[in-house]
């Protein structure tokens, strides 16, 4: 259904009733997934997952709907794609700073030590300390 509806009709429907946001998100879902998968290939070491990038892209689509003007020379499809790229760039630039480097390169306590099946927490845990849960 959503593929047959023109972008400008959807934008008009959104102005009339905000419930139609889902319609445009569904229409542009393939574009969102494609852009996010492309970006994910280069940033896996930062700890992002596809769903994280898709949420950021969805926010970009909402912003594009609010800021798009028919009088611009760009089609809505082009405008949305550019907004998604820009929003992802800003997010990734903000999270690649030195302040967040420790978070992006952190190792989980539940991760296994390479070459063994022992979780990291087992190495770090002090067996001589009384467990407060057992004490109670």
Protein backbone atom coordinates (compact mmCIF):
# COMPACT_ATOMS: atom_id res chain seq x y z
CA UNK A 1 0.00 0.00 0.00
CA UNK A 2 2.66 2.51 1.01
CA UNK A 3 4.68 2.06 -2.19
CA UNK A 4 1.84 3.34 -4.36
CA UNK A 5 1.40 6.53 -2.33
CA UNK A 6 3.45 9.50 -3.45
CA UNK A 7 5.84 11.08 -0.91
CA UNK A 8 4.07 14.40 -1.10
CA UNK A 9 0.74 12.75 -0.30
CA UNK A 10 2.29 11.10 2.76
CA UNK A 11 3.80 14.40 3.89
CA UNK A 12 0.40 16.05 3.52
CA UNK A 13 -1.23 13.23 5.50
CA UNK A 14 1.37 13.66 8.26
CA UNK A 15 0.54 17.36 8.47
CA UNK A 16 -3.10 16.41 8.94
CA UNK A 17 -2.51 13.49 11.32
CA UNK A 18 0.77 12.45 12.97
CA UNK A 19 -0.25 8.78 12.88
CA UNK A 20 1.10 8.53 9.34
CA UNK A 21 4.74 8.74 10.45
CA UNK A 22 4.83 4.94 10.49
CA UNK A 23 3.75 4.87 6.85
CA UNK A 24 6.75 6.85 5.69
CA UNK A 25 9.11 4.88 7.94
CA UNK A 26 7.81 1.67 6.38
CA UNK A 27 8.22 3.10 2.88
CA UNK A 28 11.84 4.11 3.51
CA UNK A 29 12.82 1.08 5.59
CA UNK A 30 14.84 -0.49 2.72
CA UNK A 31 16.80 2.76 2.31
CA UNK A 32 17.41 2.98 6.06
CA UNK A 33 18.64 -0.62 6.24
CA UNK A 34 20.93 -0.20 3.23
CA UNK A 35 22.58 2.96 4.56
CA UNK A 36 22.94 1.54 8.07
CA UNK A 37 24.50 -1.71 6.83
CA UNK A 38 27.00 0.25 4.75
CA UNK A 39 28.01 2.35 7.74
CA UNK A 40 28.13 -0.62 10.11
CA UNK A 41 30.87 -2.32 8.07
CA UNK A 42 33.33 0.45 8.94
CA UNK A 43 32.45 0.95 12.62
CA UNK A 44 31.99 -2.50 14.16
CA UNK A 45 34.89 -1.85 16.55
CA UNK A 46 32.94 1.03 18.10
CA UNK A 47 30.35 -1.33 19.57
CA UNK A 48 27.41 -0.33 17.37
CA UNK A 49 24.81 -2.78 16.15
CA UNK A 50 22.47 -2.47 13.18
CA UNK A 51 19.50 -1.68 15.44
CA UNK A 52 21.39 1.24 17.02
CA UNK A 53 22.07 2.80 13.64
CA UNK A 54 18.50 2.20 12.50
CA UNK A 55 17.15 4.10 15.52
CA UNK A 56 19.41 7.02 14.68
CA UNK A 57 18.26 6.84 11.06
CA UNK A 58 14.61 6.79 12.12
CA UNK A 59 15.18 9.99 14.09
CA UNK A 60 16.74 11.49 10.97
CA UNK A 61 13.62 10.61 8.97
CA UNK A 62 11.43 12.36 11.55
CA UNK A 63 13.63 15.45 11.35
CA UNK A 64 13.58 15.32 7.55
CA UNK A 65 9.78 15.29 7.56
CA UNK A 66 9.69 18.35 9.79
CA UNK A 67 12.30 20.32 7.84
CA UNK A 68 11.53 19.35 4.25
CA UNK A 69 10.08 21.99 2.04
CA UNK A 70 8.49 21.28 -1.35
CA UNK A 71 10.13 24.38 -2.67
CA UNK A 72 13.60 22.90 -2.42
CA UNK A 73 15.06 21.51 -5.61
CA UNK A 74 15.63 18.06 -4.11
CA UNK A 75 13.20 15.16 -4.15
CA UNK A 76 12.10 13.93 -0.74
CA UNK A 77 13.93 10.61 -1.25
CA UNK A 78 17.21 12.43 -1.82
CA UNK A 79 16.60 14.74 1.12
CA UNK A 80 15.86 11.83 3.48
CA UNK A 81 18.98 9.95 2.37
CA UNK A 82 21.13 13.02 2.99
CA UNK A 83 19.56 13.59 6.41
CA UNK A 84 20.23 9.98 7.40
CA UNK A 85 23.87 10.23 6.31
CA UNK A 86 24.33 13.51 8.17
CA UNK A 87 22.70 12.24 11.38
CA UNK A 88 24.87 9.10 11.35
CA UNK A 89 28.00 11.18 10.70
CA UNK A 90 27.25 13.47 13.64
CA UNK A 91 26.52 10.53 15.95
CA UNK A 92 29.66 8.65 14.98
CA UNK A 93 31.84 11.75 15.22
CA UNK A 94 30.51 12.50 18.70
CA UNK A 95 31.13 8.95 19.88
CA UNK A 96 34.61 8.62 18.43
CA UNK A 97 36.09 11.28 20.69
CA UNK A 98 38.81 10.43 23.21
CA UNK A 99 36.30 10.83 26.06
CA UNK A 100 34.28 7.88 24.81
CA UNK A 101 37.22 5.75 23.69
CA UNK A 102 37.20 3.75 26.94
CA UNK A 103 33.52 2.90 26.49
CA UNK A 104 33.96 1.95 22.85
CA UNK A 105 36.88 -0.39 23.57
CA UNK A 106 35.63 -1.84 26.86
CA UNK A 107 35.65 -5.59 27.45
CA UNK A 108 32.68 -7.27 29.06
CA UNK A 109 33.16 -9.13 32.35
CA UNK A 110 31.19 -11.98 30.82
CA UNK A 111 33.54 -12.30 27.83
CA UNK A 112 35.64 -15.45 27.72
CA UNK A 113 39.40 -15.16 28.02
CA UNK A 114 40.96 -15.98 24.62
CA UNK A 115 42.00 -19.63 24.45
CA UNK A 116 39.88 -20.68 27.44
CA UNK A 117 36.24 -21.02 28.36
CA UNK A 118 36.77 -18.99 31.53
CA UNK A 119 34.87 -15.71 31.83
CA UNK A 120 36.96 -12.66 32.74
CA UNK A 121 34.95 -12.14 35.94
CA UNK A 122 36.26 -15.44 37.31
CA UNK A 123 39.83 -14.15 37.07
CA UNK A 124 39.02 -10.83 38.66
CA UNK A 125 36.80 -12.15 41.42
CA UNK A 126 38.38 -12.48 44.86
CA UNK A 127 37.31 -15.83 46.29
CA UNK A 128 38.33 -14.89 49.87
CA UNK A 129 35.82 -12.05 50.19
CA UNK A 130 32.46 -12.86 51.74
CA UNK A 131 29.61 -12.61 49.26
CA UNK A 132 27.02 -10.22 50.75
CA UNK A 133 24.15 -12.23 49.29
CA UNK A 134 25.37 -15.42 50.93
CA UNK A 135 26.04 -13.56 54.19
CA UNK A 136 22.45 -12.32 54.40
